[in-house]
Amino acid sequence: MKYVSMGASGLKVSRVCLGAMMFGTGDDAPCGEAEARRIIDAFLDAGHNFIDTANGYTGGQSEEVVGKAIRSRRERVVVATKGLMPIGEGPNDRGLSRAYLHRALEASLRRLGTDYVDLYQCHGWDPTTPIDETMDTLAGFVRSGKVRYIGCSNFTGSQVVESCWAAERVGGVRFISSQPRYSLLARQIEQDVLPACERMGIGTMPYSPLGGGVLTGKYRKGEPLPPGSRYARYAGLGRAGLEGPDDRALHIAEEVGKVAAELGATPTAVAIAWVAGRRGVTSVIIGPRTYEQYRQNLEGFDLSLPDEAVKRLNEVSRPPR
């Protein structure tokens, strides 16, 4: 098992991070508690140690499922969660203010059944709260022992840098991680986020390496949406959201499928291997809905893409100017 340091810190995490967004206890959860427990147990038994959740995932149920699953081996697991999403209807029930973050963290700790979080992340930028207030509050969490390290998610490169400067101004603690969307379909972070994180000593843990399932090859031009798929389940996505200008997403997915066939691998493995091999990527978040998806995702971390294949994938996925 290979472990890597998260950014300029001593925290060691597995190259695979298990994303728990799908896990829940309710009937409407994409992945029920029994299946989620099966995935978590297999993940930890294999030697991986990094699990990511958030207070907004399945209404808090995700944290509850993760907390129950890791209770007997808490010290061996690096638990990451996030705050920003609404926890009520009031004006102070969302964001990154001191008032909100204190309540959100305490609620996450209760759901997780633990007295500390290894990595606490800002789930997004809050334009209504001074970043100095946020960074000072997070530093207080670290000093109290309730949080070991802090990170961010969905921040732009300039926001990452501004947060580092704010930490210095308030005598606080810097982020050690950034969690952006990254895949062959979404390479925008190469322009600013990845370079900023590299300069600031911040590790990167991308999510959605399969482009919302598009890169698995399940969607094909002119064919009906597969029943139960993401684009079939959620209103407002549909074929228009899938295909976009010039069918770019499906064109990239088709090339991924060709590379996979040539290598005797799956499109899922190829897409994940591409992300895992990118410069600046520390750990890659997978978000399986089933145990079979979990097994297929892991294959991407054992696949080494030939230079020629990487070149082809880079070319076909090059972001439009």
C-alpha atoms as a PDB file:
ATOM      1  CA  MET A   1       0.000   0.000   0.000  1.00  0.00           C
ATOM      2  CA  LYS A   2       1.355   3.393  -1.010  1.00  0.00           C
ATOM      3  CA  TYR A   3       0.744   6.383   1.219  1.00  0.00           C
ATOM      4  CA  VAL A   4       1.593   9.995   0.384  1.00  0.00           C
ATOM      5  CA  SER A   5       1.888  13.191   2.405  1.00  0.00           C
ATOM      6  CA  MET A   6      -1.007  15.601   1.972  1.00  0.00           C
ATOM      7  CA  GLY A   7       0.610  18.846   0.912  1.00  0.00           C
ATOM      8  CA  ALA A   8       3.324  20.295   3.128  1.00  0.00           C
ATOM      9  CA  SER A   9       2.161  18.310   6.144  1.00  0.00           C
ATOM     10  CA  GLY A  10       2.971  15.102   7.942  1.00  0.00           C
ATOM     11  CA  LEU A  11      -0.463  13.603   7.298  1.00  0.00           C
ATOM     12  CA  LYS A  12      -0.141  10.356   5.324  1.00  0.00           C
ATOM     13  CA  VAL A  13      -3.084   9.320   3.165  1.00  0.00           C
ATOM     14  CA  SER A  14      -3.725   6.590   0.624  1.00  0.00           C
ATOM     15  CA  ARG A  15      -3.667   7.452  -3.057  1.00  0.00           C
ATOM     16  CA  VAL A  16      -7.310   6.396  -3.138  1.00  0.00           C
ATOM     17  CA  CYS A  17      -9.824   8.437  -1.153  1.00  0.00           C
ATOM     18  CA  LEU A  18     -13.277   6.939  -0.646  1.00  0.00           C
ATOM     19  CA  GLY A  19     -15.931   9.574  -1.285  1.00  0.00           C
ATOM     20  CA  ALA A  20     -19.063   8.987   0.799  1.00  0.00           C
ATOM     21  CA  MET A  21     -21.457  11.352  -0.992  1.00  0.00           C
ATOM     22  CA  MET A  22     -23.726   8.474  -2.069  1.00  0.00           C
ATOM     23  CA  PHE A  23     -23.994   6.848   1.364  1.00  0.00           C
ATOM     24  CA  GLY A  24     -27.120   7.208   3.460  1.00  0.00           C
ATOM     25  CA  THR A  25     -29.607   5.524   5.760  1.00  0.00           C
ATOM     26  CA  GLY A  26     -32.853   6.626   4.112  1.00  0.00           C
ATOM     27  CA  ASP A  27     -34.770   4.788   1.423  1.00  0.00           C
ATOM     28  CA  ASP A  28     -33.886   7.497  -1.091  1.00  0.00           C
ATOM     29  CA  ALA A  29     -30.121   7.249  -0.501  1.00  0.00           C
ATOM     30  CA  PRO A  30     -28.235   6.277  -3.692  1.00  0.00           C
ATOM     31  CA  CYS A  31     -26.254   3.754  -1.633  1.00  0.00           C
ATOM     32  CA  GLY A  32     -27.939   2.234   1.410  1.00  0.00           C
ATOM     33  CA  GLU A  33     -26.186   1.642   4.701  1.00  0.00           C
ATOM     34  CA  ALA A  34     -25.604  -2.091   4.212  1.00  0.00           C
ATOM     35  CA  GLU A  35     -23.936  -1.636   0.811  1.00  0.00           C
ATOM     36  CA  ALA A  36     -22.008   1.394   2.070  1.00  0.00           C
ATOM     37  CA  ARG A  37     -20.712  -0.612   5.016  1.00  0.00           C
ATOM     38  CA  ARG A  38     -19.602  -3.377   2.663  1.00  0.00           C
ATOM     39  CA  ILE A  39     -17.657  -0.842   0.580  1.00  0.00           C
ATOM     40  CA  ILE A  40     -16.076   0.880   3.589  1.00  0.00           C
ATOM     41  CA  ASP A  41     -15.012  -2.400   5.197  1.00  0.00           C
ATOM     42  CA  ALA A  42     -13.432  -3.643   1.960  1.00  0.00           C
ATOM     43  CA  PHE A  43     -11.687  -0.297   1.454  1.00  0.00           C
ATOM     44  CA  LEU A  44     -10.145  -0.262   4.936  1.00  0.00           C
ATOM     45  CA  ASP A  45      -9.350  -3.996   4.937  1.00  0.00           C
ATOM     46  CA  ALA A  46      -7.332  -3.432   1.741  1.00  0.00           C
ATOM     47  CA  GLY A  47      -5.137  -0.928   3.601  1.00  0.00           C
ATOM     48  CA  HIS A  48      -6.566   2.356   2.316  1.00  0.00           C
ATOM     49  CA  ASN A  49      -7.122   4.933   5.047  1.00  0.00           C
ATOM     50  CA  PHE A  50      -8.747   8.074   3.575  1.00  0.00           C
ATOM     51  CA  ILE A  51     -12.530   8.737   3.606  1.00  0.00           C
ATOM     52  CA  ASP A  52     -14.197  11.995   2.559  1.00  0.00           C
ATOM     53  CA  THR A  53     -17.713  13.115   3.468  1.00  0.00           C
ATOM     54  CA  ALA A  54     -19.560  16.377   4.205  1.00  0.00           C
ATOM     55  CA  ASN A  55     -22.307  17.686   6.438  1.00  0.00           C
ATOM     56  CA  GLY A  56     -24.506  18.256   3.389  1.00  0.00           C
ATOM     57  CA  TYR A  57     -24.263  14.756   1.924  1.00  0.00           C
ATOM     58  CA  THR A  58     -27.634  12.941   2.101  1.00  0.00           C
ATOM     59  CA  GLY A  59     -28.752  15.378   4.766  1.00  0.00           C
ATOM     60  CA  GLY A  60     -26.041  14.325   7.215  1.00  0.00           C
ATOM     61  CA  GLN A  61     -26.710  10.607   6.824  1.00  0.00           C
ATOM     62  CA  SER A  62     -23.378  10.093   5.073  1.00  0.00           C
ATOM     63  CA  GLU A  63     -21.470  11.184   8.172  1.00  0.00           C
ATOM     64  CA  GLU A  64     -23.556   8.865  10.322  1.00  0.00           C
ATOM     65  CA  VAL A  65     -22.833   5.876   8.077  1.00  0.00           C
ATOM     66  CA  VAL A  66     -19.107   6.617   7.997  1.00  0.00           C
ATOM     67  CA  GLY A  67     -18.974   7.141  11.759  1.00  0.00           C
ATOM     68  CA  LYS A  68     -20.592   3.791  12.510  1.00  0.00           C
ATOM     69  CA  ALA A  69     -18.396   1.936  10.020  1.00  0.00           C
ATOM     70  CA  ILE A  70     -15.069   3.211  11.363  1.00  0.00           C
ATOM     71  CA  ARG A  71     -15.860   3.269  15.084  1.00  0.00           C
ATOM     72  CA  SER A  72     -13.820   0.165  15.963  1.00  0.00           C
ATOM     73  CA  ARG A  73     -10.735   1.428  14.085  1.00  0.00           C
ATOM     74  CA  ARG A  74     -11.029   5.190  14.331  1.00  0.00           C
ATOM     75  CA  GLU A  75      -7.324   5.854  14.898  1.00  0.00           C
ATOM     76  CA  ARG A  76      -6.386   4.114  11.643  1.00  0.00           C
ATOM     77  CA  VAL A  77      -8.709   6.192   9.464  1.00  0.00           C
ATOM     78  CA  VAL A  78      -8.165   9.698   8.104  1.00  0.00           C
ATOM     79  CA  VAL A  79     -11.651  11.206   8.169  1.00  0.00           C
ATOM     80  CA  ALA A  80     -12.319  14.304   6.089  1.00  0.00           C
ATOM     81  CA  THR A  81     -15.561  16.254   6.191  1.00  0.00           C
ATOM     82  CA  LYS A  82     -16.739  19.686   5.112  1.00  0.00           C
ATOM     83  CA  GLY A  83     -18.863  22.627   6.152  1.00  0.00           C
ATOM     84  CA  LEU A  84     -20.708  25.369   4.219  1.00  0.00           C
ATOM     85  CA  MET A  85     -24.043  23.859   3.240  1.00  0.00           C
ATOM     86  CA  PRO A  86     -27.297  24.898   4.987  1.00  0.00           C
ATOM     87  CA  ILE A  87     -28.040  23.423   8.405  1.00  0.00           C
ATOM     88  CA  GLY A  88     -31.250  25.398   8.905  1.00  0.00           C
ATOM     89  CA  GLU A  89     -33.401  28.157   7.494  1.00  0.00           C
ATOM     90  CA  GLY A  90     -31.819  31.129   9.275  1.00  0.00           C
ATOM     91  CA  PRO A  91     -29.348  33.669   7.843  1.00  0.00           C
ATOM     92  CA  ASN A  92     -26.514  32.212   9.945  1.00  0.00           C
ATOM     93  CA  ASP A  93     -27.260  28.607   9.034  1.00  0.00           C
ATOM     94  CA  ARG A  94     -24.891  28.456   6.060  1.00  0.00           C
ATOM     95  CA  GLY A  95     -21.539  29.823   4.909  1.00  0.00           C
ATOM     96  CA  LEU A  96     -18.115  30.107   6.511  1.00  0.00           C
ATOM     97  CA  SER A  97     -18.784  32.530   9.355  1.00  0.00           C
ATOM     98  CA  ARG A  98     -17.581  31.884  12.893  1.00  0.00           C
ATOM     99  CA  ALA A  99     -21.190  31.462  14.025  1.00  0.00           C
ATOM    100  CA  TYR A 100     -21.943  28.854  11.390  1.00  0.00           C
ATOM    101  CA  LEU A 101     -18.687  26.886  11.486  1.00  0.00           C
ATOM    102  CA  HIS A 102     -18.815  26.265  15.242  1.00  0.00           C
ATOM    103  CA  ARG A 103     -22.316  24.792  14.991  1.00  0.00           C
ATOM    104  CA  ALA A 104     -21.558  22.841  11.823  1.00  0.00           C
ATOM    105  CA  LEU A 105     -18.415  21.231  13.230  1.00  0.00           C
ATOM    106  CA  GLU A 106     -20.118  20.194  16.474  1.00  0.00           C
ATOM    107  CA  ALA A 107     -22.970  18.629  14.511  1.00  0.00           C
ATOM    108  CA  SER A 108     -20.528  16.756  12.258  1.00  0.00           C
ATOM    109  CA  LEU A 109     -18.645  15.417  15.273  1.00  0.00           C
ATOM    110  CA  ARG A 110     -21.895  14.124  16.755  1.00  0.00           C
ATOM    111  CA  ARG A 111     -22.926  12.391  13.554  1.00  0.00           C
ATOM    112  CA  LEU A 112     -19.475  10.885  13.076  1.00  0.00           C
ATOM    113  CA  GLY A 113     -19.386   9.749  16.695  1.00  0.00           C
ATOM    114  CA  THR A 114     -15.872  11.084  17.221  1.00  0.00           C
ATOM    115  CA  ASP A 115     -14.233  13.901  19.134  1.00  0.00           C
ATOM    116  CA  TYR A 116     -12.002  15.067  16.287  1.00  0.00           C
ATOM    117  CA  VAL A 117     -11.879  15.316  12.490  1.00  0.00           C
ATOM    118  CA  ASP A 118      -8.601  14.690  10.702  1.00  0.00           C
ATOM    119  CA  LEU A 119      -9.296  17.086   7.837  1.00  0.00           C
ATOM    120  CA  TYR A 120     -11.981  19.784   8.005  1.00  0.00           C
ATOM    121  CA  GLN A 121     -12.664  21.560   4.712  1.00  0.00           C
ATOM    122  CA  CYS A 122     -14.489  24.639   3.505  1.00  0.00           C
ATOM    123  CA  HIS A 123     -16.946  23.209   0.973  1.00  0.00           C
ATOM    124  CA  GLY A 124     -16.798  26.345  -1.149  1.00  0.00           C
ATOM    125  CA  TRP A 125     -16.027  30.062  -1.055  1.00  0.00           C
ATOM    126  CA  ASP A 126     -18.283  32.316   1.016  1.00  0.00           C
ATOM    127  CA  PRO A 127     -18.302  35.848  -0.459  1.00  0.00           C
ATOM    128  CA  THR A 128     -20.331  37.178   2.490  1.00  0.00           C
ATOM    129  CA  THR A 129     -17.738  36.345   5.173  1.00  0.00           C
ATOM    130  CA  PRO A 130     -14.250  37.911   5.448  1.00  0.00           C
ATOM    131  CA  ILE A 131     -11.705  35.186   4.785  1.00  0.00           C
ATOM    132  CA  ASP A 132      -9.728  36.370   7.828  1.00  0.00           C
ATOM    133  CA  GLU A 133     -12.680  35.420  10.035  1.00  0.00           C
ATOM    134  CA  THR A 134     -12.908  31.983   8.461  1.00  0.00           C
ATOM    135  CA  MET A 135      -9.195  31.220   8.741  1.00  0.00           C
ATOM    136  CA  ASP A 136      -9.040  32.458  12.346  1.00  0.00           C
ATOM    137  CA  THR A 137     -12.005  30.249  13.256  1.00  0.00           C
ATOM    138  CA  LEU A 138     -10.450  27.191  11.603  1.00  0.00           C
ATOM    139  CA  ALA A 139      -7.158  27.823  13.411  1.00  0.00           C
ATOM    140  CA  GLY A 140      -9.102  27.802  16.666  1.00  0.00           C
ATOM    141  CA  PHE A 141     -10.500  24.372  15.788  1.00  0.00           C
ATOM    142  CA  VAL A 142      -6.975  23.054  15.232  1.00  0.00           C
ATOM    143  CA  ARG A 143      -5.700  24.491  18.510  1.00  0.00           C
ATOM    144  CA  SER A 144      -8.649  22.992  20.375  1.00  0.00           C
ATOM    145  CA  GLY A 145      -7.816  19.522  19.047  1.00  0.00           C
ATOM    146  CA  LYS A 146     -11.228  19.075  17.422  1.00  0.00           C
ATOM    147  CA  VAL A 147      -9.622  19.360  13.982  1.00  0.00           C
ATOM    148  CA  ARG A 148      -6.159  18.119  13.002  1.00  0.00           C
ATOM    149  CA  TYR A 149      -5.768  19.788   9.585  1.00  0.00           C
ATOM    150  CA  ILE A 150      -7.799  22.114   7.370  1.00  0.00           C
ATOM    151  CA  GLY A 151      -8.485  22.288   3.644  1.00  0.00           C
ATOM    152  CA  CYS A 152     -10.769  23.757   1.010  1.00  0.00           C
ATOM    153  CA  SER A 153     -12.989  22.531  -1.804  1.00  0.00           C
ATOM    154  CA  ASN A 154     -14.105  24.262  -5.006  1.00  0.00           C
ATOM    155  CA  PHE A 155     -11.806  27.262  -4.433  1.00  0.00           C
ATOM    156  CA  THR A 156     -10.238  29.062  -7.389  1.00  0.00           C
ATOM    157  CA  GLY A 157      -6.486  29.520  -7.505  1.00  0.00           C
ATOM    158  CA  SER A 158      -6.729  33.135  -6.333  1.00  0.00           C
ATOM    159  CA  GLN A 159      -9.006  32.115  -3.458  1.00  0.00           C
ATOM    160  CA  VAL A 160      -6.503  29.462  -2.388  1.00  0.00           C
ATOM    161  CA  VAL A 161      -3.715  32.065  -2.310  1.00  0.00           C
ATOM    162  CA  GLU A 162      -5.900  34.656  -0.556  1.00  0.00           C
ATOM    163  CA  SER A 163      -6.704  32.090   2.147  1.00  0.00           C
ATOM    164  CA  CYS A 164      -3.003  31.430   2.716  1.00  0.00           C
ATOM    165  CA  TRP A 165      -2.342  35.137   3.069  1.00  0.00           C
ATOM    166  CA  ALA A 166      -5.249  35.462   5.496  1.00  0.00           C
ATOM    167  CA  ALA A 167      -3.862  32.635   7.633  1.00  0.00           C
ATOM    168  CA  GLU A 168      -0.592  34.518   7.915  1.00  0.00           C
ATOM    169  CA  ARG A 169      -2.339  37.774   8.835  1.00  0.00           C
ATOM    170  CA  VAL A 170      -4.306  36.204  11.690  1.00  0.00           C
ATOM    171  CA  GLY A 171      -1.448  34.003  12.895  1.00  0.00           C
ATOM    172  CA  GLY A 172      -3.473  30.989  11.885  1.00  0.00           C
ATOM    173  CA  VAL A 173      -3.012  27.685  10.084  1.00  0.00           C
ATOM    174  CA  ARG A 174      -2.722  27.128   6.341  1.00  0.00           C
ATOM    175  CA  PHE A 175      -4.756  24.723   4.252  1.00  0.00           C
ATOM    176  CA  ILE A 176      -2.983  21.469   3.465  1.00  0.00           C
ATOM    177  CA  SER A 177      -5.473  20.312   0.825  1.00  0.00           C
ATOM    178  CA  SER A 178      -7.675  21.456  -2.017  1.00  0.00           C
ATOM    179  CA  GLN A 179     -10.583  19.404  -3.388  1.00  0.00           C
ATOM    180  CA  PRO A 180     -11.511  20.467  -6.935  1.00  0.00           C
ATOM    181  CA  ARG A 181     -13.475  18.832  -9.732  1.00  0.00           C
ATOM    182  CA  TYR A 182     -11.036  17.272 -12.219  1.00  0.00           C
ATOM    183  CA  SER A 183     -11.383  14.835 -15.097  1.00  0.00           C
ATOM    184  CA  LEU A 184     -10.795  14.566 -18.820  1.00  0.00           C
ATOM    185  CA  LEU A 185     -14.058  16.513 -19.152  1.00  0.00           C
ATOM    186  CA  ALA A 186     -13.112  19.243 -16.669  1.00  0.00           C
ATOM    187  CA  ARG A 187      -9.493  20.402 -16.878  1.00  0.00           C
ATOM    188  CA  GLN A 188      -9.971  24.060 -15.929  1.00  0.00           C
ATOM    189  CA  ILE A 189      -8.010  23.703 -12.679  1.00  0.00           C
ATOM    190  CA  GLU A 190      -4.815  23.224 -14.682  1.00  0.00           C
ATOM    191  CA  GLN A 191      -4.870  26.952 -15.423  1.00  0.00           C
ATOM    192  CA  ASP A 192      -4.814  28.274 -11.866  1.00  0.00           C
ATOM    193  CA  VAL A 193      -5.751  25.866  -9.055  1.00  0.00           C
ATOM    194  CA  LEU A 194      -3.053  23.250  -9.560  1.00  0.00           C
ATOM    195  CA  PRO A 195      -0.227  25.808 -10.011  1.00  0.00           C
ATOM    196  CA  ALA A 196      -1.410  27.814  -6.991  1.00  0.00           C
ATOM    197  CA  CYS A 197      -1.583  24.712  -4.794  1.00  0.00           C
ATOM    198  CA  GLU A 198       1.882  23.621  -5.904  1.00  0.00           C
ATOM    199  CA  ARG A 199       3.361  27.015  -5.036  1.00  0.00           C
ATOM    200  CA  MET A 200       1.627  27.084  -1.659  1.00  0.00           C
ATOM    201  CA  GLY A 201       2.482  23.520  -0.631  1.00  0.00           C
ATOM    202  CA  ILE A 202      -1.155  22.382  -0.779  1.00  0.00           C
ATOM    203  CA  GLY A 203      -2.060  18.842  -1.798  1.00  0.00           C
ATOM    204  CA  THR A 204      -4.847  18.193  -4.303  1.00  0.00           C
ATOM    205  CA  MET A 205      -7.569  15.561  -3.920  1.00  0.00           C
ATOM    206  CA  PRO A 206      -9.770  15.778  -7.047  1.00  0.00           C
ATOM    207  CA  TYR A 207     -13.330  14.510  -7.163  1.00  0.00           C
ATOM    208  CA  SER A 208     -15.475  13.285 -10.071  1.00  0.00           C
ATOM    209  CA  PRO A 209     -12.624  11.693 -12.083  1.00  0.00           C
ATOM    210  CA  LEU A 210     -15.243   9.882 -14.183  1.00  0.00           C
ATOM    211  CA  GLY A 211     -16.956  13.091 -15.212  1.00  0.00           C
ATOM    212  CA  GLY A 212     -20.221  12.179 -13.517  1.00  0.00           C
ATOM    213  CA  GLY A 213     -20.129   8.721 -15.095  1.00  0.00           C
ATOM    214  CA  VAL A 214     -19.813   9.981 -18.668  1.00  0.00           C
ATOM    215  CA  LEU A 215     -16.297   8.560 -19.076  1.00  0.00           C
ATOM    216  CA  THR A 216     -17.391   5.038 -18.158  1.00  0.00           C
ATOM    217  CA  GLY A 217     -18.894   4.660 -21.635  1.00  0.00           C
ATOM    218  CA  LYS A 218     -22.463   4.171 -20.457  1.00  0.00           C
ATOM    219  CA  TYR A 219     -23.750   7.097 -22.535  1.00  0.00           C
ATOM    220  CA  ARG A 220     -23.672   6.953 -26.335  1.00  0.00           C
ATOM    221  CA  LYS A 221     -24.683   9.447 -28.974  1.00  0.00           C
ATOM    222  CA  GLY A 222     -28.213   8.944 -30.240  1.00  0.00           C
ATOM    223  CA  GLU A 223     -29.021   6.199 -27.715  1.00  0.00           C
ATOM    224  CA  PRO A 224     -31.539   6.435 -24.824  1.00  0.00           C
ATOM    225  CA  LEU A 225     -30.197   7.315 -21.385  1.00  0.00           C
ATOM    226  CA  PRO A 226     -29.575   4.137 -19.347  1.00  0.00           C
ATOM    227  CA  PRO A 227     -32.307   3.671 -16.687  1.00  0.00           C
ATOM    228  CA  GLY A 228     -31.083   4.654 -13.231  1.00  0.00           C
ATOM    229  CA  SER A 229     -28.080   6.585 -14.560  1.00  0.00           C
ATOM    230  CA  ARG A 230     -27.214  10.033 -13.196  1.00  0.00           C
ATOM    231  CA  TYR A 231     -28.449  11.857 -16.298  1.00  0.00           C
ATOM    232  CA  ALA A 232     -31.658   9.865 -16.295  1.00  0.00           C
ATOM    233  CA  ARG A 233     -32.321  10.342 -12.558  1.00  0.00           C
ATOM    234  CA  TYR A 234     -31.824  14.061 -12.131  1.00  0.00           C
ATOM    235  CA  ALA A 235     -34.177  16.546 -13.717  1.00  0.00           C
ATOM    236  CA  GLY A 236     -32.486  19.298 -15.678  1.00  0.00           C
ATOM    237  CA  LEU A 237     -29.587  17.168 -16.908  1.00  0.00           C
ATOM    238  CA  GLY A 238     -30.926  15.011 -19.740  1.00  0.00           C
ATOM    239  CA  ARG A 239     -29.199  14.629 -23.089  1.00  0.00           C
ATOM    240  CA  ALA A 240     -28.639  18.365 -23.511  1.00  0.00           C
ATOM    241  CA  GLY A 241     -26.608  18.518 -20.308  1.00  0.00           C
ATOM    242  CA  LEU A 242     -24.712  15.413 -21.356  1.00  0.00           C
ATOM    243  CA  GLU A 243     -23.781  16.256 -24.904  1.00  0.00           C
ATOM    244  CA  GLY A 244     -23.196  19.994 -24.820  1.00  0.00           C
ATOM    245  CA  PRO A 245     -21.528  21.922 -27.650  1.00  0.00           C
ATOM    246  CA  ASP A 246     -20.328  19.660 -30.494  1.00  0.00           C
ATOM    247  CA  ASP A 247     -20.932  16.531 -28.399  1.00  0.00           C
ATOM    248  CA  ARG A 248     -17.546  17.171 -26.776  1.00  0.00           C
ATOM    249  CA  ALA A 249     -18.190  14.997 -23.710  1.00  0.00           C
ATOM    250  CA  LEU A 250     -19.266  11.983 -25.737  1.00  0.00           C
ATOM    251  CA  HIS A 251     -16.368  12.454 -28.159  1.00  0.00           C
ATOM    252  CA  ILE A 252     -13.876  12.345 -25.270  1.00  0.00           C
ATOM    253  CA  ALA A 253     -15.629   9.341 -23.750  1.00  0.00           C
ATOM    254  CA  GLU A 254     -15.389   7.544 -27.096  1.00  0.00           C
ATOM    255  CA  GLU A 255     -11.615   8.054 -27.200  1.00  0.00           C
ATOM    256  CA  VAL A 256     -11.308   6.808 -23.630  1.00  0.00           C
ATOM    257  CA  GLY A 257     -13.147   3.673 -24.721  1.00  0.00           C
ATOM    258  CA  LYS A 258     -10.748   3.156 -27.642  1.00  0.00           C
ATOM    259  CA  VAL A 259      -7.700   3.489 -25.385  1.00  0.00           C
ATOM    260  CA  ALA A 260      -9.234   1.084 -22.897  1.00  0.00           C
ATOM    261  CA  ALA A 261      -9.893  -1.519 -25.596  1.00  0.00           C
ATOM    262  CA  GLU A 262      -6.302  -1.291 -26.813  1.00  0.00           C
ATOM    263  CA  LEU A 263      -4.938  -1.745 -23.291  1.00  0.00           C
ATOM    264  CA  GLY A 264      -7.343  -4.500 -22.301  1.00  0.00           C
ATOM    265  CA  ALA A 265      -8.697  -2.256 -19.549  1.00  0.00           C
ATOM    266  CA  THR A 266     -12.036  -0.621 -18.762  1.00  0.00           C
ATOM    267  CA  PRO A 267     -12.902   2.997 -19.623  1.00  0.00           C
ATOM    268  CA  THR A 268     -13.364   3.574 -15.883  1.00  0.00           C
ATOM    269  CA  ALA A 269      -9.796   2.470 -15.154  1.00  0.00           C
ATOM    270  CA  VAL A 270      -8.371   4.603 -17.963  1.00  0.00           C
ATOM    271  CA  ALA A 271     -10.194   7.752 -16.841  1.00  0.00           C
ATOM    272  CA  ILE A 272      -9.094   7.347 -13.225  1.00  0.00           C
ATOM    273  CA  ALA A 273      -5.523   6.433 -14.161  1.00  0.00           C
ATOM    274  CA  TRP A 274      -5.264   9.634 -16.211  1.00  0.00           C
ATOM    275  CA  VAL A 275      -6.284  11.795 -13.240  1.00  0.00           C
ATOM    276  CA  ALA A 276      -4.103   9.877 -10.771  1.00  0.00           C
ATOM    277  CA  GLY A 277      -1.082  10.393 -13.021  1.00  0.00           C
ATOM    278  CA  ARG A 278      -1.413  14.154 -13.384  1.00  0.00           C
ATOM    279  CA  ARG A 279       1.191  16.422 -11.848  1.00  0.00           C
ATOM    280  CA  GLY A 280       0.076  17.918  -8.555  1.00  0.00           C
ATOM    281  CA  VAL A 281      -2.549  15.261  -7.782  1.00  0.00           C
ATOM    282  CA  THR A 282      -2.078  13.752  -4.322  1.00  0.00           C
ATOM    283  CA  SER A 283      -5.094  11.493  -3.825  1.00  0.00           C
ATOM    284  CA  VAL A 284      -8.102  10.813  -6.068  1.00  0.00           C
ATOM    285  CA  ILE A 285     -11.639  10.627  -4.685  1.00  0.00           C
ATOM    286  CA  ILE A 286     -13.842   7.830  -5.974  1.00  0.00           C
ATOM    287  CA  GLY A 287     -17.581   7.947  -5.267  1.00  0.00           C
ATOM    288  CA  PRO A 288     -19.014   4.451  -5.816  1.00  0.00           C
ATOM    289  CA  ARG A 289     -22.717   3.748  -5.509  1.00  0.00           C
ATOM    290  CA  THR A 290     -22.265  -0.034  -5.450  1.00  0.00           C
ATOM    291  CA  TYR A 291     -19.614  -2.508  -4.380  1.00  0.00           C
ATOM    292  CA  GLU A 292     -19.058  -3.468  -8.026  1.00  0.00           C
ATOM    293  CA  GLN A 293     -18.405   0.171  -8.941  1.00  0.00           C
ATOM    294  CA  TYR A 294     -15.934   0.348  -6.066  1.00  0.00           C
ATOM    295  CA  ARG A 295     -13.996  -2.653  -7.420  1.00  0.00           C
ATOM    296  CA  GLN A 296     -13.960  -1.206 -10.936  1.00  0.00           C
ATOM    297  CA  ASN A 297     -12.705   2.153  -9.661  1.00  0.00           C
ATOM    298  CA  LEU A 298      -9.738   0.578  -7.890  1.00  0.00           C
ATOM    299  CA  GLU A 299      -8.463  -0.864 -11.169  1.00  0.00           C
ATOM    300  CA  GLY A 300      -7.545   2.654 -12.244  1.00  0.00           C
ATOM    301  CA  PHE A 301      -4.876   2.909  -9.571  1.00  0.00           C
ATOM    302  CA  ASP A 302      -3.109  -0.218 -10.820  1.00  0.00           C
ATOM    303  CA  LEU A 303      -3.111   0.890 -14.457  1.00  0.00           C
ATOM    304  CA  SER A 304      -0.081   2.660 -15.918  1.00  0.00           C
ATOM    305  CA  LEU A 305      -0.977   4.515 -19.096  1.00  0.00           C
ATOM    306  CA  PRO A 306       1.608   4.481 -21.918  1.00  0.00           C
ATOM    307  CA  ASP A 307       2.928   7.894 -22.948  1.00  0.00           C
ATOM    308  CA  GLU A 308       1.235   7.595 -26.331  1.00  0.00           C
ATOM    309  CA  ALA A 309      -2.140   6.959 -24.690  1.00  0.00           C
ATOM    310  CA  VAL A 310      -1.688   9.925 -22.360  1.00  0.00           C
ATOM    311  CA  LYS A 311      -0.838  12.133 -25.332  1.00  0.00           C
ATOM    312  CA  ARG A 312      -4.005  11.053 -27.163  1.00  0.00           C
ATOM    313  CA  LEU A 313      -6.180  11.664 -24.118  1.00  0.00           C
ATOM    314  CA  ASN A 314      -4.574  15.056 -23.490  1.00  0.00           C
ATOM    315  CA  GLU A 315      -5.207  16.104 -27.082  1.00  0.00           C
ATOM    316  CA  VAL A 316      -8.834  14.999 -27.323  1.00  0.00           C
ATOM    317  CA  SER A 317      -9.704  16.591 -23.960  1.00  0.00           C
ATOM    318  CA  ARG A 318      -7.846  19.860 -24.442  1.00  0.00           C
ATOM    319  CA  PRO A 319     -10.149  22.606 -23.122  1.00  0.00           C
ATOM    320  CA  PRO A 320     -11.581  24.901 -25.804  1.00  0.00           C
ATOM    321  CA  ARG A 321     -10.140  28.388 -25.862  1.00  0.00           C
END
